[in-house]
Amino acid sequence: MKAIIIGFGFIGKRLIEVLNQKISLLKRIDRSFKVIGVSDSRGYIFNPDGLDLKVLSKISGTHEYSRYFHEGSSLDLIEEGDADIMVEATPTNIKDGEPGLTYIRRALSIGMDVVTANKGPLVVAFRELKRLAESRGCHLRFEGAVAGAMPIFSLINECLQGDKIIKISGILNGTTNFILSKMHFEGSTFEMALKEAQERGITEKDPSYDVDGIDAACKVVILANALMDRDVRFEDVERVGIRGISPEAINLAKRANYTIKLIGVIDRNLEVAPKLVPLNHPLCVHGTLNALHIETDLAKELTIIGYGAGKETVSAIMNDIISVMKGRLAGQSSLTQS
């Protein structure tokens, strides 16, 4: 299998490091596996015989790999590479999904499997991309787009195939959980906790995406469409952020054996809002952890907890790559995570 990676930022670089570490595992599944191209904003590296992952893991930009560097675009690499699978790792843009949406569309349209952790294209055009993947007999996998390393799509699609999902609720943003945890345990104000989160590099560049519930609402849309066969958009989510949460409100909750968490809910309605959570409830996790509570007709209630962003997201991307490899080797013609 020949792979290309579109995007060489935090996730793209971490993925290269892990591919280098796990190459023996990948080769056991498919002896022909190789990364033939990587792109960033300056251009792309391409070698049809495969790039040296050890070299790739030590550079900070594609231009540093001068032997195979081309001053072209990511679309050029998609067209030229003749790859089997594309990992799309460009920055998230929830307004129009670009540039990732264009890259995913093009890759699928020419029969290339796609793995992405990019929320933007999935929020903007999930139904379109799903239909396109199915029509081309391609895999479209996006485990890392929601809740990072937590295998929510794999769990439901592969382990709960006979279950009807009744409701999904949970903590879908680690930054707001960090802020509310600081307020709960240390008595910090919202402003103090947000400043610390920014200093630690936990927040988005624009922290309003976190604290106003925008990031969580995007994930609610993806979960609803991918797991509950809905056709909803970002605007369909009722959204309230955490700016109005005061230390006094946190203290009142504590006295009643509750805490306050920003919770996303998918049932008849879609919502992201601060809610009281009992201190002994499975969703009562702290720090930057995420947690999802799933209610089904057969399994009843399940809770999954883990890291929802950062370098751990590469775990989900790796699982998707391996699933695509095994699926192709098994002769499956199509596999989407919905």
Protein backbone atom coordinates (compact mmCIF):
# COMPACT_ATOMS: atom_id res chain seq x y z
CA MET A 1 0.00 0.00 0.00
CA LYS A 2 1.28 3.44 -0.98
CA ALA A 3 0.40 6.31 1.35
CA ILE A 4 0.57 10.08 1.14
CA ILE A 5 0.19 12.53 4.02
CA ILE A 6 -1.39 15.92 3.35
CA GLY A 7 -0.35 18.32 6.09
CA PHE A 8 2.93 18.34 7.97
CA GLY A 9 1.98 20.21 11.10
CA PHE A 10 1.69 18.88 14.65
CA ILE A 11 -0.39 15.82 13.78
CA GLY A 12 1.37 15.10 10.48
CA LYS A 13 4.81 15.15 12.08
CA ARG A 14 3.70 13.04 15.02
CA LEU A 15 2.19 10.54 12.59
CA ILE A 16 5.47 10.22 10.72
CA GLU A 17 7.29 9.54 14.00
CA VAL A 18 4.79 6.81 14.90
CA LEU A 19 4.86 5.28 11.40
CA ASN A 20 8.63 5.05 11.76
CA GLN A 21 8.28 3.39 15.17
CA LYS A 22 5.55 0.99 13.99
CA ILE A 23 6.85 0.16 10.52
CA SER A 24 7.45 -3.49 11.42
CA LEU A 25 3.81 -3.86 12.43
CA LEU A 26 2.64 -2.24 9.20
CA LYS A 27 4.95 -4.40 7.10
CA ARG A 28 3.57 -7.53 8.75
CA ILE A 29 0.12 -6.53 7.52
CA ASP A 30 1.27 -5.41 4.08
CA ARG A 31 4.90 -5.91 3.04
CA SER A 32 4.51 -3.27 0.35
CA PHE A 33 3.45 -0.46 2.71
CA LYS A 34 5.38 2.77 2.16
CA VAL A 35 4.91 6.51 2.44
CA ILE A 36 5.55 8.00 -0.99
CA GLY A 37 4.59 11.64 -0.43
CA VAL A 38 4.15 14.37 2.17
CA SER A 39 2.94 17.93 1.59
CA ASP A 40 2.85 21.20 3.50
CA SER A 41 2.33 24.88 2.65
CA ARG A 42 5.73 25.15 0.91
CA GLY A 43 5.38 22.20 -1.43
CA TYR A 44 5.64 18.45 -1.29
CA ILE A 45 8.09 15.57 -1.15
CA PHE A 46 7.51 12.67 -3.51
CA ASN A 47 9.32 9.43 -4.24
CA PRO A 48 7.34 6.58 -5.83
CA ASP A 49 9.79 4.09 -4.32
CA GLY A 50 9.08 5.33 -0.79
CA LEU A 51 10.46 8.02 1.49
CA ASP A 52 12.81 7.36 4.38
CA LEU A 53 10.66 7.63 7.51
CA LYS A 54 13.73 8.14 9.71
CA VAL A 55 14.69 11.19 7.67
CA LEU A 56 11.11 12.45 7.61
CA SER A 57 10.81 12.18 11.38
CA LYS A 58 13.77 14.52 11.85
CA ILE A 59 12.79 17.40 9.56
CA SER A 60 10.49 20.34 10.33
CA GLY A 61 9.33 21.08 6.77
CA THR A 62 9.15 19.39 3.39
CA HIS A 63 11.68 21.81 1.89
CA GLU A 64 14.38 20.28 4.12
CA TYR A 65 14.10 16.98 2.21
CA SER A 66 15.64 18.63 -0.85
CA ARG A 67 16.31 15.45 -2.83
CA TYR A 68 12.61 14.83 -3.44
CA PHE A 69 11.15 18.30 -2.87
CA HIS A 70 8.73 19.83 -5.40
CA GLU A 71 7.37 23.37 -5.38
CA GLY A 72 3.80 22.29 -5.97
CA SER A 73 0.50 21.99 -4.15
CA SER A 74 -1.10 19.23 -2.13
CA LEU A 75 -3.48 18.67 -5.04
CA ASP A 76 -0.47 18.10 -7.28
CA LEU A 77 0.73 15.40 -4.90
CA ILE A 78 -2.72 13.78 -4.81
CA GLU A 79 -2.81 13.73 -8.62
CA GLU A 80 0.80 12.67 -9.17
CA GLY A 81 1.23 10.23 -6.34
CA ASP A 82 -1.01 7.40 -7.57
CA ALA A 83 -1.35 6.49 -3.88
CA ASP A 84 -3.73 3.96 -2.35
CA ILE A 85 -4.46 5.94 0.81
CA MET A 86 -4.32 9.60 1.82
CA VAL A 87 -4.03 10.76 5.42
CA GLU A 88 -5.45 14.29 5.52
CA ALA A 89 -4.02 16.33 8.41
CA THR A 90 -4.53 19.98 7.51
CA PRO A 91 -5.86 22.58 9.98
CA THR A 92 -9.56 22.50 10.85
CA ASN A 93 -11.83 25.06 9.26
CA ILE A 94 -15.47 24.65 10.29
CA LYS A 95 -16.74 27.50 8.10
CA ASP A 96 -16.21 25.86 4.71
CA GLY A 97 -14.05 22.81 5.49
CA GLU A 98 -11.18 24.03 3.34
CA PRO A 99 -8.57 23.16 2.30
CA GLY A 100 -9.17 19.65 3.65
CA LEU A 101 -12.58 19.30 1.99
CA THR A 102 -11.11 19.81 -1.48
CA TYR A 103 -8.32 17.31 -0.80
CA ILE A 104 -10.71 14.65 0.51
CA ARG A 105 -13.13 15.15 -2.38
CA ARG A 106 -10.37 14.80 -4.94
CA ALA A 107 -8.78 11.77 -3.32
CA LEU A 108 -12.09 9.91 -3.06
CA SER A 109 -13.10 10.86 -6.58
CA ILE A 110 -10.01 9.14 -8.01
CA GLY A 111 -10.51 6.04 -5.88
CA MET A 112 -8.13 6.78 -3.03
CA ASP A 113 -8.94 5.69 0.53
CA VAL A 114 -8.99 8.53 3.05
CA VAL A 115 -8.16 8.78 6.74
CA THR A 116 -8.64 12.14 8.44
CA ALA A 117 -8.79 13.71 11.89
CA ASN A 118 -10.09 16.97 10.45
CA LYS A 119 -13.51 18.00 11.80
CA GLY A 120 -14.11 20.74 9.22
CA PRO A 121 -14.93 18.69 6.10
CA LEU A 122 -17.08 16.28 8.14
CA VAL A 123 -19.11 19.10 9.69
CA VAL A 124 -19.65 20.84 6.36
CA ALA A 125 -20.15 17.93 3.96
CA PHE A 126 -20.47 14.57 5.73
CA ARG A 127 -23.32 13.17 3.60
CA GLU A 128 -21.59 14.20 0.38
CA LEU A 129 -18.28 12.63 1.36
CA LYS A 130 -19.99 9.45 2.57
CA ARG A 131 -21.86 9.06 -0.73
CA LEU A 132 -18.72 9.82 -2.72
CA ALA A 133 -16.72 7.18 -0.82
CA GLU A 134 -19.45 4.60 -1.34
CA SER A 135 -19.80 5.37 -5.04
CA ARG A 136 -16.04 4.94 -5.58
CA GLY A 137 -15.72 1.88 -3.35
CA CYS A 138 -13.37 3.74 -1.01
CA HIS A 139 -12.76 3.69 2.71
CA LEU A 140 -13.45 6.95 4.56
CA ARG A 141 -12.36 6.79 8.18
CA PHE A 142 -12.24 9.60 10.74
CA GLU A 143 -11.82 8.11 14.20
CA GLY A 144 -9.46 10.90 15.27
CA ALA A 145 -11.91 13.68 14.37
CA VAL A 146 -13.95 13.22 17.56
CA ALA A 147 -12.55 12.51 21.01
CA GLY A 148 -8.98 11.94 19.85
CA ALA A 149 -7.69 8.53 20.92
CA MET A 150 -11.09 7.31 22.16
CA PRO A 151 -12.38 4.67 19.70
CA ILE A 152 -15.99 5.82 19.61
CA PHE A 153 -16.75 5.04 15.95
CA SER A 154 -14.94 1.71 16.03
CA LEU A 155 -16.71 0.75 19.25
CA ILE A 156 -20.19 1.43 17.94
CA ASN A 157 -19.71 0.29 14.33
CA GLU A 158 -17.77 -2.87 15.09
CA CYS A 159 -18.72 -3.90 18.63
CA LEU A 160 -22.33 -2.69 18.86
CA GLN A 161 -23.55 -3.58 15.39
CA GLY A 162 -26.83 -5.01 16.69
CA ASP A 163 -27.57 -2.09 18.98
CA LYS A 164 -29.72 0.94 18.34
CA ILE A 165 -28.08 4.08 19.70
CA ILE A 166 -30.63 5.96 21.77
CA LYS A 167 -28.53 8.77 23.19
CA ILE A 168 -24.94 9.97 23.30
CA SER A 169 -23.75 12.53 25.82
CA GLY A 170 -20.41 13.58 27.12
CA ILE A 171 -17.44 15.85 27.57
CA LEU A 172 -16.11 16.55 24.09
CA ASN A 173 -13.64 19.34 24.75
CA GLY A 174 -10.62 18.90 26.99
CA THR A 175 -9.92 22.63 27.31
CA THR A 176 -13.25 23.44 28.92
CA ASN A 177 -12.90 20.40 31.15
CA PHE A 178 -9.50 21.66 32.28
CA ILE A 179 -10.93 25.11 33.04
CA LEU A 180 -13.94 23.78 34.95
CA SER A 181 -11.71 21.32 36.85
CA LYS A 182 -9.47 24.19 37.94
CA MET A 183 -12.50 26.10 39.12
CA HIS A 184 -13.86 23.05 40.97
CA PHE A 185 -10.68 21.96 42.76
CA GLU A 186 -8.76 25.22 43.19
CA GLY A 187 -11.45 27.88 43.29
CA SER A 188 -10.04 29.63 40.23
CA THR A 189 -12.09 32.16 38.34
CA PHE A 190 -12.95 31.46 34.72
CA GLU A 191 -10.46 34.11 33.61
CA MET A 192 -7.62 32.67 35.70
CA ALA A 193 -8.24 29.12 34.52
CA LEU A 194 -8.49 30.19 30.87
CA LYS A 195 -5.20 32.09 31.14
CA GLU A 196 -3.46 29.00 32.55
CA ALA A 197 -4.92 26.85 29.78
CA GLN A 198 -3.57 29.30 27.20
CA GLU A 199 -0.15 29.36 28.85
CA ARG A 200 -0.04 25.55 28.73
CA GLY A 201 -0.98 25.54 25.05
CA ILE A 202 -4.20 23.63 25.71
CA THR A 203 -6.58 26.04 23.97
CA GLU A 204 -7.23 26.60 20.29
CA LYS A 205 -5.54 29.70 18.83
CA ASP A 206 -8.92 31.36 19.20
CA PRO A 207 -10.09 30.16 22.65
CA SER A 208 -13.70 31.03 21.81
CA TYR A 209 -13.80 27.78 19.82
CA ASP A 210 -13.36 25.99 23.13
CA VAL A 211 -15.09 28.11 25.75
CA ASP A 212 -18.11 29.03 23.62
CA GLY A 213 -18.79 25.39 22.79
CA ILE A 214 -18.00 25.65 19.07
CA ASP A 215 -15.55 22.75 19.03
CA ALA A 216 -17.90 20.53 21.03
CA ALA A 217 -20.84 21.44 18.77
CA CYS A 218 -18.84 20.36 15.70
CA LYS A 219 -18.26 16.98 17.31
CA VAL A 220 -21.94 16.67 18.18
CA VAL A 221 -22.78 17.18 14.49
CA ILE A 222 -20.30 14.51 13.38
CA LEU A 223 -21.53 12.00 15.98
CA ALA A 224 -25.17 12.61 15.10
CA ASN A 225 -24.61 12.20 11.36
CA ALA A 226 -22.15 9.31 11.49
CA LEU A 227 -23.65 7.22 14.29
CA MET A 228 -27.34 8.08 14.38
CA ASP A 229 -27.97 8.57 10.65
CA ARG A 230 -29.00 12.19 11.06
CA ASP A 231 -28.59 14.96 8.53
CA VAL A 232 -27.80 17.94 10.71
CA ARG A 233 -25.57 20.95 10.47
CA PHE A 234 -23.69 23.10 12.96
CA GLU A 235 -26.58 25.56 13.12
CA ASP A 236 -28.87 22.81 14.43
CA VAL A 237 -26.96 22.57 17.72
CA GLU A 238 -28.26 24.61 20.64
CA ARG A 239 -25.08 26.00 22.15
CA VAL A 240 -24.14 27.70 25.41
CA GLY A 241 -20.52 28.07 26.49
CA ILE A 242 -18.89 28.34 29.91
CA ARG A 243 -18.03 32.05 30.12
CA GLY A 244 -20.90 32.63 32.52
CA ILE A 245 -19.85 29.96 35.04
CA SER A 246 -18.79 31.61 38.31
CA PRO A 247 -16.87 30.22 41.29
CA GLU A 248 -20.06 30.69 43.28
CA ALA A 249 -21.99 28.40 40.92
CA ILE A 250 -19.23 25.79 41.16
CA ASN A 251 -19.31 25.95 44.97
CA LEU A 252 -23.09 25.57 45.10
CA ALA A 253 -22.82 22.49 42.89
CA LYS A 254 -20.07 21.02 45.11
CA ARG A 255 -22.20 21.40 48.24
CA ALA A 256 -24.90 19.31 46.56
CA ASN A 257 -22.34 16.66 45.44
CA TYR A 258 -22.35 17.84 41.85
CA THR A 259 -19.93 19.55 39.54
CA ILE A 260 -20.45 21.56 36.36
CA LYS A 261 -19.26 20.22 33.01
CA LEU A 262 -19.75 21.34 29.41
CA ILE A 263 -21.80 18.46 27.99
CA GLY A 264 -22.71 17.65 24.41
CA VAL A 265 -25.95 15.74 23.96
CA ILE A 266 -27.30 13.88 20.95
CA ASP A 267 -30.85 12.51 21.22
CA ARG A 268 -33.99 14.09 19.77
CA ASN A 269 -32.30 17.44 20.07
CA LEU A 270 -28.67 18.46 19.74
CA GLU A 271 -27.17 20.53 22.52
CA VAL A 272 -23.91 21.75 24.02
CA ALA A 273 -24.29 23.44 27.40
CA PRO A 274 -22.98 23.49 30.99
CA LYS A 275 -24.77 20.87 33.05
CA LEU A 276 -24.75 19.58 36.61
CA VAL A 277 -23.04 16.19 36.79
CA PRO A 278 -23.13 14.05 39.97
CA LEU A 279 -19.67 13.56 41.45
CA ASN A 280 -20.12 9.78 41.28
CA HIS A 281 -21.29 9.74 37.64
CA PRO A 282 -19.01 8.11 35.02
CA LEU A 283 -18.90 11.40 33.12
CA CYS A 284 -17.36 13.16 36.10
CA VAL A 285 -13.78 13.14 34.83
CA HIS A 286 -11.32 15.97 35.27
CA GLY A 287 -8.34 17.71 33.71
CA THR A 288 -8.15 17.45 29.92
CA LEU A 289 -9.90 14.08 29.72
CA ASN A 290 -12.91 13.50 27.48
CA ALA A 291 -15.75 11.11 28.29
CA LEU A 292 -18.67 9.75 26.29
CA HIS A 293 -21.75 8.04 27.73
CA ILE A 294 -23.61 5.87 25.22
CA GLU A 295 -27.14 4.58 25.76
CA THR A 296 -28.36 1.70 23.56
CA ASP A 297 -31.30 -0.68 23.44
CA LEU A 298 -29.28 -3.85 24.10
CA ALA A 299 -26.02 -2.97 25.85
CA LYS A 300 -27.87 -0.28 27.83
CA GLU A 301 -25.17 2.11 29.09
CA LEU A 302 -21.46 2.34 28.28
CA THR A 303 -18.93 5.02 29.14
CA ILE A 304 -15.58 5.53 27.44
CA ILE A 305 -12.92 7.87 28.83
CA GLY A 306 -9.65 9.05 27.33
CA TYR A 307 -7.60 11.83 25.82
CA GLY A 308 -9.59 13.80 23.29
CA ALA A 309 -6.88 15.76 21.49
CA GLY A 310 -3.15 16.21 21.10
CA LYS A 311 -0.54 13.64 20.23
CA GLU A 312 -2.76 10.76 21.39
CA THR A 313 -4.97 11.42 18.35
CA VAL A 314 -2.34 9.61 16.29
CA SER A 315 -3.51 6.38 17.95
CA ALA A 316 -6.87 6.76 16.19
CA ILE A 317 -5.24 7.64 12.87
CA MET A 318 -3.00 4.58 13.08
CA ASN A 319 -5.97 2.35 13.83
CA ASP A 320 -7.80 3.74 10.81
CA ILE A 321 -4.79 3.16 8.55
CA ILE A 322 -4.46 -0.43 9.77
CA SER A 323 -8.21 -1.02 9.37
CA VAL A 324 -8.05 0.20 5.76
CA MET A 325 -5.05 -2.01 5.06
CA LYS A 326 -6.74 -5.08 6.50
CA GLY A 327 -9.99 -4.26 4.76
CA ARG A 328 -8.30 -3.99 1.38
CA LEU A 329 -6.39 -7.20 1.91
CA ALA A 330 -9.63 -8.95 2.86
CA GLY A 331 -11.16 -7.76 -0.42
CA GLN A 332 -13.77 -5.43 1.06
CA SER A 333 -14.94 -2.89 -1.47
CA SER A 334 -16.19 -0.16 0.84
CA LEU A 335 -15.95 0.77 4.50
CA THR A 336 -17.04 4.08 5.99
CA GLN A 337 -17.46 4.81 9.67
CA SER A 338 -21.19 5.27 9.47
